[in-house]
């Protein structure tokens, strides 16, 4: 993954960040708001590690896949839906609820 994935979905990455760096706190992450330099400086402060060590850990962490909770985040979903607009026929809305295709719940027995 790239840093822009983290930056664009910053709040959704909190759990993954805290898993990797347990010293991190949600309130401090709120203030950082996806700024990579501020994040590195914060990790240096709370872990006591050297900036080069933190940057290396961050590079290794970014090699991983985007966590599923981030992929399932509504912001990420809406972005993916918007990108899908190139596959939607002219005059249709990519955010349509597709009600005309029926309701899956109507097949359930009461």
C-alpha atoms as a PDB file:
ATOM      1  CA  UNK A   1       0.000   0.000   0.000  1.00  0.00           C
ATOM      2  CA  UNK A   2       1.037   3.595  -0.460  1.00  0.00           C
ATOM      3  CA  UNK A   3       0.987   6.417   2.080  1.00  0.00           C
ATOM      4  CA  UNK A   4      -1.872   8.117   0.225  1.00  0.00           C
ATOM      5  CA  UNK A   5      -4.067   5.092   1.125  1.00  0.00           C
ATOM      6  CA  UNK A   6      -3.263   5.731   4.772  1.00  0.00           C
ATOM      7  CA  UNK A   7      -3.708   9.485   4.507  1.00  0.00           C
ATOM      8  CA  UNK A   8      -7.047   9.280   2.679  1.00  0.00           C
ATOM      9  CA  UNK A   9      -8.450   6.775   5.197  1.00  0.00           C
ATOM     10  CA  UNK A  10      -6.555   8.008   8.265  1.00  0.00           C
ATOM     11  CA  UNK A  11      -9.140   7.308  10.991  1.00  0.00           C
ATOM     12  CA  UNK A  12      -9.842   3.840   9.625  1.00  0.00           C
ATOM     13  CA  UNK A  13      -6.146   2.958  10.098  1.00  0.00           C
ATOM     14  CA  UNK A  14      -6.109   3.714  13.852  1.00  0.00           C
ATOM     15  CA  UNK A  15      -6.540   0.080  14.863  1.00  0.00           C
ATOM     16  CA  UNK A  16      -3.793  -1.108  12.503  1.00  0.00           C
ATOM     17  CA  UNK A  17      -1.487   1.693  13.693  1.00  0.00           C
ATOM     18  CA  UNK A  18      -2.061   0.869  17.355  1.00  0.00           C
ATOM     19  CA  UNK A  19      -1.511  -2.841  16.628  1.00  0.00           C
ATOM     20  CA  UNK A  20       1.894  -1.959  15.142  1.00  0.00           C
ATOM     21  CA  UNK A  21       2.789   0.837  17.594  1.00  0.00           C
ATOM     22  CA  UNK A  22       0.896   0.212  20.882  1.00  0.00           C
ATOM     23  CA  UNK A  23       2.283   3.455  22.327  1.00  0.00           C
ATOM     24  CA  UNK A  24       0.123   5.468  19.898  1.00  0.00           C
ATOM     25  CA  UNK A  25      -3.124   7.013  21.148  1.00  0.00           C
ATOM     26  CA  UNK A  26      -6.303   7.834  19.228  1.00  0.00           C
ATOM     27  CA  UNK A  27      -6.422  11.443  20.428  1.00  0.00           C
ATOM     28  CA  UNK A  28      -2.885  12.118  19.217  1.00  0.00           C
ATOM     29  CA  UNK A  29      -3.598  10.391  15.905  1.00  0.00           C
ATOM     30  CA  UNK A  30      -6.595  12.711  15.451  1.00  0.00           C
ATOM     31  CA  UNK A  31      -4.255  15.705  15.582  1.00  0.00           C
ATOM     32  CA  UNK A  32      -1.791  14.169  13.102  1.00  0.00           C
ATOM     33  CA  UNK A  33      -4.584  13.704  10.544  1.00  0.00           C
ATOM     34  CA  UNK A  34      -2.535  11.635   8.088  1.00  0.00           C
ATOM     35  CA  UNK A  35       0.530  13.903   7.928  1.00  0.00           C
ATOM     36  CA  UNK A  36       3.409  11.445   7.435  1.00  0.00           C
ATOM     37  CA  UNK A  37       6.129  13.725   8.833  1.00  0.00           C
ATOM     38  CA  UNK A  38       4.045  14.514  11.919  1.00  0.00           C
ATOM     39  CA  UNK A  39       3.332  10.786  12.339  1.00  0.00           C
ATOM     40  CA  UNK A  40       7.033   9.877  12.192  1.00  0.00           C
ATOM     41  CA  UNK A  41       7.872  12.672  14.664  1.00  0.00           C
ATOM     42  CA  UNK A  42       5.102  11.463  16.988  1.00  0.00           C
ATOM     43  CA  UNK A  43       6.334   7.854  16.860  1.00  0.00           C
ATOM     44  CA  UNK A  44       9.891   9.015  17.578  1.00  0.00           C
ATOM     45  CA  UNK A  45       8.561  10.848  20.632  1.00  0.00           C
ATOM     46  CA  UNK A  46       6.405   8.024  22.055  1.00  0.00           C
ATOM     47  CA  UNK A  47       8.690   5.082  21.238  1.00  0.00           C
ATOM     48  CA  UNK A  48      12.060   6.690  21.912  1.00  0.00           C
ATOM     49  CA  UNK A  49      13.406   5.231  18.659  1.00  0.00           C
ATOM     50  CA  UNK A  50      15.532   7.093  16.141  1.00  0.00           C
ATOM     51  CA  UNK A  51      13.755   8.678  13.147  1.00  0.00           C
ATOM     52  CA  UNK A  52      15.592   6.339  10.739  1.00  0.00           C
ATOM     53  CA  UNK A  53      14.303   3.306  12.671  1.00  0.00           C
ATOM     54  CA  UNK A  54      10.744   4.609  12.602  1.00  0.00           C
ATOM     55  CA  UNK A  55      10.916   5.378   8.873  1.00  0.00           C
ATOM     56  CA  UNK A  56      12.188   1.822   8.237  1.00  0.00           C
ATOM     57  CA  UNK A  57       9.367   0.326  10.357  1.00  0.00           C
ATOM     58  CA  UNK A  58       6.899   2.489   8.471  1.00  0.00           C
ATOM     59  CA  UNK A  59       8.282   1.308   5.099  1.00  0.00           C
ATOM     60  CA  UNK A  60       7.938  -2.317   6.233  1.00  0.00           C
ATOM     61  CA  UNK A  61       4.415  -1.672   7.522  1.00  0.00           C
ATOM     62  CA  UNK A  62       3.386  -0.114   4.193  1.00  0.00           C
ATOM     63  CA  UNK A  63       4.483  -3.277   2.346  1.00  0.00           C
ATOM     64  CA  UNK A  64       1.449  -5.029   3.853  1.00  0.00           C
ATOM     65  CA  UNK A  65      -2.039  -5.113   2.459  1.00  0.00           C
ATOM     66  CA  UNK A  66      -4.684  -2.536   3.267  1.00  0.00           C
ATOM     67  CA  UNK A  67      -6.448  -3.836   6.413  1.00  0.00           C
ATOM     68  CA  UNK A  68      -9.954  -5.181   5.801  1.00  0.00           C
ATOM     69  CA  UNK A  69     -11.520  -2.691   8.215  1.00  0.00           C
ATOM     70  CA  UNK A  70     -10.115   0.085   6.018  1.00  0.00           C
ATOM     71  CA  UNK A  71     -11.406  -1.524   2.836  1.00  0.00           C
ATOM     72  CA  UNK A  72     -14.842  -1.801   4.463  1.00  0.00           C
ATOM     73  CA  UNK A  73     -14.809   1.811   5.702  1.00  0.00           C
ATOM     74  CA  UNK A  74     -17.693   3.832   4.138  1.00  0.00           C
ATOM     75  CA  UNK A  75     -15.279   6.504   2.876  1.00  0.00           C
ATOM     76  CA  UNK A  76     -13.310   3.862   0.979  1.00  0.00           C
ATOM     77  CA  UNK A  77     -16.552   2.276  -0.312  1.00  0.00           C
ATOM     78  CA  UNK A  78     -17.881   5.592  -1.612  1.00  0.00           C
ATOM     79  CA  UNK A  79     -14.566   6.288  -3.338  1.00  0.00           C
ATOM     80  CA  UNK A  80     -14.671   2.847  -4.975  1.00  0.00           C
ATOM     81  CA  UNK A  81     -18.280   3.373  -6.030  1.00  0.00           C
ATOM     82  CA  UNK A  82     -17.401   6.746  -7.553  1.00  0.00           C
ATOM     83  CA  UNK A  83     -14.539   5.149  -9.483  1.00  0.00           C
ATOM     84  CA  UNK A  84     -16.946   2.520 -10.818  1.00  0.00           C
ATOM     85  CA  UNK A  85     -18.913   5.242 -12.608  1.00  0.00           C
ATOM     86  CA  UNK A  86     -16.917   4.604 -15.784  1.00  0.00           C
ATOM     87  CA  UNK A  87     -18.625   1.183 -15.968  1.00  0.00           C
ATOM     88  CA  UNK A  88     -22.155   2.559 -15.489  1.00  0.00           C
ATOM     89  CA  UNK A  89     -24.248   3.283 -18.548  1.00  0.00           C
ATOM     90  CA  UNK A  90     -24.932   6.891 -19.444  1.00  0.00           C
ATOM     91  CA  UNK A  91     -27.965   8.250 -17.597  1.00  0.00           C
ATOM     92  CA  UNK A  92     -27.610   5.837 -14.676  1.00  0.00           C
ATOM     93  CA  UNK A  93     -26.393   6.768 -11.213  1.00  0.00           C
ATOM     94  CA  UNK A  94     -23.522   4.755  -9.723  1.00  0.00           C
ATOM     95  CA  UNK A  95     -24.997   5.393  -6.251  1.00  0.00           C
ATOM     96  CA  UNK A  96     -28.408   3.983  -7.233  1.00  0.00           C
ATOM     97  CA  UNK A  97     -29.879   1.483  -4.781  1.00  0.00           C
ATOM     98  CA  UNK A  98     -30.796  -0.937  -7.593  1.00  0.00           C
ATOM     99  CA  UNK A  99     -34.313  -1.374  -6.145  1.00  0.00           C
ATOM    100  CA  UNK A 100     -35.654  -2.399  -9.541  1.00  0.00           C
ATOM    101  CA  UNK A 101     -33.747  -5.680  -9.237  1.00  0.00           C
ATOM    102  CA  UNK A 102     -35.848  -6.744  -6.261  1.00  0.00           C
ATOM    103  CA  UNK A 103     -35.241  -7.145  -2.572  1.00  0.00           C
ATOM    104  CA  UNK A 104     -33.226 -10.100  -1.367  1.00  0.00           C
ATOM    105  CA  UNK A 105     -35.231 -10.056   1.879  1.00  0.00           C
ATOM    106  CA  UNK A 106     -38.485 -10.832   0.009  1.00  0.00           C
ATOM    107  CA  UNK A 107     -37.252 -14.391  -0.606  1.00  0.00           C
ATOM    108  CA  UNK A 108     -36.990 -15.125   3.119  1.00  0.00           C
ATOM    109  CA  UNK A 109     -39.782 -17.047   4.788  1.00  0.00           C
ATOM    110  CA  UNK A 110     -41.509 -15.284   7.696  1.00  0.00           C
END
